[in-house]
Amino acid sequence: MSGTFANDPEFAATIQKPRRTGFGLVNTLVCLGVIVLVILYLLPDLFPSEARQAACRAQCAYNLKQIALAMHNYASDHGAFPPACTVDASGRRLHSWRTLLLPYLEQKTLYESIDLSKPWDDPANAKALEARPTVYRCPSSSAPRDSTTYLANAAEGGCLIPGRPRRFAEISDPTGATILDIEADDGHAVPWMAPIDADESLILGLSQASKPNHPSGFNAGMVDGSVRFLKPTLPATVRRALISIAGGDNPRGDVY
């Protein structure tokens, strides 16, 4: 694998430039997804709860796929995945990767309204905090409206790094077996602009007892852009392998 994105044919094949004109396939799919969810919620007598839960899980997975696509498009432009968060000269955390991805999620106007030189929770950014993009919201979540349960894998040895971008060439594990971001339970929801993400203990602690937003597990976005549904009983050894970007610890696919 080459040291740059532009010269790496394997990585380049996964990249799609954002469509910046016209209605676009992304908008069409989002609208269709919203219509399906509205129907399922408004007609509960015609659709069993299992169907509504499946629709919410599918929409959640779609959100994570859109986030992964935005990550790759960001990397195509910048040569690396975004840092888990930006920091100032003293190391104080300022803004999350969620903010940095906004232009790649058709939220350029919102992005331009944010003062990146001031912390996410500065009064100057209060209005932006209230405008949480729907892509950061699992439809099954009951967390506060300005919160998200989508957290980056920012564990030590994980994918995103506070204050520093992560080059794709640094990831030596198979990209389909490395967690990029993960859906936590509502108890670990954070304000969507907050530079707070998942460490190893949080990912290892996700279980049925932590009340995942989906009855039988939780969604995780992988580095290759796929989304996997992880069981709450997934062994810690497998989770650690999925967290790590280092080679040689690829978990068996049949256990997740």
Protein backbone atom coordinates (compact mmCIF):
# COMPACT_ATOMS: atom_id res chain seq x y z
CA MET A 1 0.00 0.00 0.00
CA SER A 2 1.45 3.41 -0.96
CA GLY A 3 1.91 6.22 1.49
CA THR A 4 -0.57 8.55 -0.18
CA PHE A 5 -4.24 8.25 -0.99
CA ALA A 6 -3.92 9.60 -4.50
CA ASN A 7 -1.49 6.83 -5.54
CA ASP A 8 -3.29 3.97 -3.81
CA PRO A 9 -5.61 2.25 -6.33
CA GLU A 10 -7.19 0.01 -3.67
CA PHE A 11 -8.18 2.98 -1.54
CA ALA A 12 -9.10 5.17 -4.50
CA ALA A 13 -11.60 2.56 -5.62
CA THR A 14 -13.58 3.09 -2.45
CA ILE A 15 -13.82 6.86 -2.89
CA GLN A 16 -16.70 8.77 -4.38
CA LYS A 17 -16.51 12.50 -4.72
CA PRO A 18 -19.43 14.34 -3.10
CA ARG A 19 -22.09 15.37 -5.55
CA ARG A 20 -22.33 19.10 -5.26
CA THR A 21 -25.02 19.81 -7.85
CA GLY A 22 -28.53 18.55 -8.47
CA PHE A 23 -30.81 16.66 -6.16
CA GLY A 24 -28.58 13.60 -6.15
CA LEU A 25 -28.97 9.95 -5.27
CA VAL A 26 -28.10 10.59 -1.60
CA ASN A 27 -30.98 13.03 -1.16
CA THR A 28 -33.35 10.66 -2.95
CA LEU A 29 -32.44 7.75 -0.67
CA VAL A 30 -32.69 9.93 2.44
CA CYS A 31 -36.17 11.08 1.42
CA LEU A 32 -37.28 7.50 0.77
CA GLY A 33 -35.90 6.43 4.14
CA VAL A 34 -37.74 9.24 5.91
CA ILE A 35 -41.00 8.35 4.14
CA VAL A 36 -40.70 4.71 5.20
CA LEU A 37 -40.03 5.68 8.81
CA VAL A 38 -42.98 8.08 8.88
CA ILE A 39 -45.29 5.37 7.56
CA LEU A 40 -44.07 2.87 10.13
CA TYR A 41 -44.51 5.29 13.00
CA LEU A 42 -47.92 6.62 11.93
CA LEU A 43 -49.47 3.24 11.21
CA PRO A 44 -48.48 1.10 14.21
CA ASP A 45 -51.55 -1.11 13.95
CA LEU A 46 -50.64 -2.18 10.43
CA PHE A 47 -46.98 -2.86 11.16
CA PRO A 48 -45.78 -4.99 14.10
CA SER A 49 -43.21 -3.53 16.47
CA GLU A 50 -40.58 -5.87 15.02
CA ALA A 51 -40.98 -4.21 11.63
CA ARG A 52 -40.60 -0.73 13.12
CA GLN A 53 -37.51 -1.86 15.01
CA ALA A 54 -36.05 -3.30 11.81
CA ALA A 55 -36.75 -0.04 9.97
CA CYS A 56 -35.01 1.98 12.68
CA ARG A 57 -32.03 -0.36 12.66
CA ALA A 58 -31.81 -0.07 8.86
CA GLN A 59 -31.98 3.74 9.02
CA CYS A 60 -29.29 3.76 11.70
CA ALA A 61 -27.06 1.59 9.51
CA TYR A 62 -27.71 3.93 6.59
CA ASN A 63 -26.65 6.90 8.73
CA LEU A 64 -23.36 5.17 9.56
CA LYS A 65 -22.77 4.38 5.88
CA GLN A 66 -23.27 8.06 5.02
CA ILE A 67 -20.81 9.02 7.74
CA ALA A 68 -18.26 6.51 6.39
CA LEU A 69 -18.68 7.88 2.86
CA ALA A 70 -18.14 11.40 4.21
CA MET A 71 -15.01 10.18 6.02
CA HIS A 72 -13.60 8.78 2.79
CA ASN A 73 -14.45 11.90 0.82
CA TYR A 74 -12.77 14.01 3.51
CA ALA A 75 -9.72 11.75 3.25
CA SER A 76 -9.72 12.12 -0.53
CA ASP A 77 -9.48 15.89 -0.15
CA HIS A 78 -7.15 16.05 2.85
CA GLY A 79 -5.00 12.94 2.49
CA ALA A 80 -6.17 11.43 5.78
CA PHE A 81 -9.18 10.78 7.96
CA PRO A 82 -10.04 13.75 10.20
CA PRO A 83 -8.67 13.87 13.73
CA ALA A 84 -11.04 12.72 16.44
CA CYS A 85 -11.05 16.38 17.44
CA THR A 86 -9.19 19.60 16.85
CA VAL A 87 -7.15 21.13 19.66
CA ASP A 88 -5.75 24.57 20.41
CA ALA A 89 -2.13 25.43 21.18
CA SER A 90 -2.50 24.31 24.78
CA GLY A 91 -4.04 20.97 23.83
CA ARG A 92 -7.60 21.92 24.78
CA ARG A 93 -10.17 20.07 22.69
CA LEU A 94 -12.17 22.35 20.41
CA HIS A 95 -14.25 20.55 17.77
CA SER A 96 -15.28 17.00 16.92
CA TRP A 97 -14.81 15.09 13.68
CA ARG A 98 -18.60 15.38 13.34
CA THR A 99 -18.19 19.10 12.78
CA LEU A 100 -15.32 18.62 10.33
CA LEU A 101 -17.44 16.25 8.22
CA LEU A 102 -20.36 18.64 7.80
CA PRO A 103 -19.36 19.88 4.31
CA TYR A 104 -19.31 16.24 3.16
CA LEU A 105 -22.80 15.61 4.54
CA GLU A 106 -24.47 18.44 2.61
CA GLN A 107 -24.25 20.70 5.66
CA LYS A 108 -21.82 23.33 4.36
CA THR A 109 -23.95 26.24 5.53
CA LEU A 110 -24.08 24.86 9.07
CA TYR A 111 -20.33 24.25 8.98
CA GLU A 112 -19.63 27.82 7.91
CA SER A 113 -21.74 29.14 10.80
CA ILE A 114 -19.44 27.50 13.37
CA ASP A 115 -16.51 29.42 14.85
CA LEU A 116 -13.77 26.78 14.76
CA SER A 117 -11.39 29.01 16.71
CA LYS A 118 -13.65 28.79 19.76
CA PRO A 119 -14.67 25.63 21.65
CA TRP A 120 -17.76 23.73 20.56
CA ASP A 121 -19.65 24.83 23.70
CA ASP A 122 -18.75 28.52 23.41
CA PRO A 123 -21.86 30.78 23.28
CA ALA A 124 -20.84 31.71 19.74
CA ASN A 125 -21.63 28.13 18.68
CA ALA A 126 -24.82 27.62 20.68
CA LYS A 127 -27.12 28.06 17.68
CA ALA A 128 -25.19 25.49 15.65
CA LEU A 129 -25.49 22.97 18.47
CA GLU A 130 -29.26 23.21 18.26
CA ALA A 131 -29.18 22.38 14.55
CA ARG A 132 -28.05 18.76 14.90
CA PRO A 133 -28.03 17.03 11.47
CA THR A 134 -30.37 14.04 11.30
CA VAL A 135 -27.54 11.82 10.02
CA TYR A 136 -26.11 11.89 13.54
CA ARG A 137 -29.32 10.63 15.11
CA CYS A 138 -30.36 6.99 15.48
CA PRO A 139 -34.17 6.92 15.09
CA SER A 140 -34.41 4.52 18.06
CA SER A 141 -32.53 6.88 20.39
CA SER A 142 -34.37 8.71 23.16
CA ALA A 143 -31.35 10.82 24.13
CA PRO A 144 -31.71 14.64 24.17
CA ARG A 145 -32.34 16.14 20.74
CA ASP A 146 -28.91 17.77 20.43
CA SER A 147 -27.15 14.50 21.32
CA THR A 148 -25.71 11.64 19.30
CA THR A 149 -24.85 8.04 20.09
CA TYR A 150 -22.46 7.79 17.11
CA LEU A 151 -18.94 7.79 18.57
CA ALA A 152 -15.63 7.38 16.77
CA ASN A 153 -13.27 4.57 17.67
CA ALA A 154 -10.77 6.80 19.47
CA ALA A 155 -9.30 4.08 21.68
CA GLU A 156 -5.54 3.84 22.08
CA GLY A 157 -4.47 2.02 18.93
CA GLY A 158 -7.87 2.77 17.40
CA CYS A 159 -8.83 4.59 14.24
CA LEU A 160 -9.20 8.32 14.99
CA ILE A 161 -6.69 10.30 17.03
CA PRO A 162 -7.34 13.51 19.01
CA GLY A 163 -5.45 16.40 17.47
CA ARG A 164 -3.94 14.46 14.57
CA PRO A 165 -5.31 13.05 11.31
CA ARG A 166 -5.03 9.31 10.62
CA ARG A 167 -3.51 8.31 7.30
CA PHE A 168 -5.11 5.35 5.61
CA ALA A 169 -1.71 3.71 5.13
CA GLU A 170 -1.33 3.49 8.92
CA ILE A 171 -4.17 0.95 9.11
CA SER A 172 -2.61 -2.46 8.58
CA ASP A 173 -5.64 -4.55 9.63
CA PRO A 174 -8.22 -5.47 6.98
CA THR A 175 -10.42 -2.40 6.63
CA GLY A 176 -13.59 -4.48 6.88
CA ALA A 177 -12.46 -5.72 10.30
CA THR A 178 -11.56 -2.36 11.85
CA ILE A 179 -14.12 -0.16 13.60
CA LEU A 180 -14.30 3.43 12.39
CA ASP A 181 -17.25 4.49 14.55
CA ILE A 182 -19.81 2.75 16.68
CA GLU A 183 -23.30 3.29 18.00
CA ALA A 184 -23.32 3.51 21.79
CA ASP A 185 -26.33 3.25 24.09
CA ASP A 186 -28.27 6.36 25.18
CA GLY A 187 -26.42 6.35 28.48
CA HIS A 188 -23.25 7.27 26.58
CA ALA A 189 -24.86 9.84 24.26
CA VAL A 190 -22.94 13.11 23.92
CA PRO A 191 -23.80 16.53 22.44
CA TRP A 192 -23.22 16.06 18.73
CA MET A 193 -20.59 18.79 18.56
CA ALA A 194 -18.71 17.60 21.65
CA PRO A 195 -15.17 16.25 21.10
CA ILE A 196 -15.99 13.09 23.05
CA ASP A 197 -15.74 9.59 21.60
CA ALA A 198 -15.41 5.92 22.47
CA ASP A 199 -12.38 4.50 24.22
CA GLU A 200 -11.67 0.80 24.65
CA SER A 201 -13.52 0.49 27.95
CA LEU A 202 -16.70 1.96 26.46
CA ILE A 203 -16.63 -0.38 23.46
CA LEU A 204 -15.88 -3.40 25.63
CA GLY A 205 -18.68 -2.40 28.00
CA LEU A 206 -21.47 -2.32 25.42
CA SER A 207 -23.79 -5.17 26.38
CA GLN A 208 -27.44 -6.10 26.71
CA ALA A 209 -27.34 -4.62 30.22
CA SER A 210 -26.33 -1.24 28.76
CA LYS A 211 -29.64 -1.20 26.84
CA PRO A 212 -28.61 -0.83 23.19
CA ASN A 213 -30.96 1.12 20.95
CA HIS A 214 -31.63 -2.04 18.94
CA PRO A 215 -32.91 -5.17 20.71
CA SER A 216 -30.19 -7.60 19.66
CA GLY A 217 -27.06 -5.48 19.33
CA PHE A 218 -25.53 -2.30 17.97
CA ASN A 219 -24.33 -0.99 14.62
CA ALA A 220 -20.68 -0.30 13.89
CA GLY A 221 -19.23 1.47 10.87
CA MET A 222 -16.06 -0.13 9.52
CA VAL A 223 -13.11 1.54 7.83
CA ASP A 224 -14.04 0.10 4.43
CA GLY A 225 -17.45 1.82 4.60
CA SER A 226 -19.47 -1.27 5.49
CA VAL A 227 -21.72 -1.45 8.55
CA ARG A 228 -21.77 -4.51 10.80
CA PHE A 229 -24.34 -5.39 13.43
CA LEU A 230 -22.44 -6.53 16.52
CA LYS A 231 -23.98 -8.80 19.11
CA PRO A 232 -23.89 -7.63 22.74
CA THR A 233 -22.30 -10.99 23.62
CA LEU A 234 -19.32 -10.41 21.31
CA PRO A 235 -16.20 -11.59 23.21
CA ALA A 236 -13.74 -8.98 24.46
CA THR A 237 -10.92 -10.57 22.45
CA VAL A 238 -12.86 -10.05 19.23
CA ARG A 239 -13.81 -6.49 20.18
CA ARG A 240 -10.16 -5.62 20.87
CA ALA A 241 -9.21 -6.97 17.46
CA LEU A 242 -11.95 -4.87 15.83
CA ILE A 243 -10.78 -1.78 17.73
CA SER A 244 -7.12 -2.12 16.75
CA ILE A 245 -5.75 -0.85 13.45
CA ALA A 246 -2.67 -3.07 13.78
CA GLY A 247 -2.25 -6.13 11.60
CA GLY A 248 -2.27 -9.73 12.69
CA ASP A 249 -5.37 -9.72 14.87
CA ASN A 250 -8.12 -10.09 12.29
CA PRO A 251 -11.12 -11.64 14.10
CA ARG A 252 -13.14 -14.50 12.63
CA GLY A 253 -16.06 -13.12 10.68
CA ASP A 254 -18.39 -15.88 11.86
CA VAL A 255 -18.43 -14.57 15.43
CA TYR A 256 -19.90 -11.20 14.48
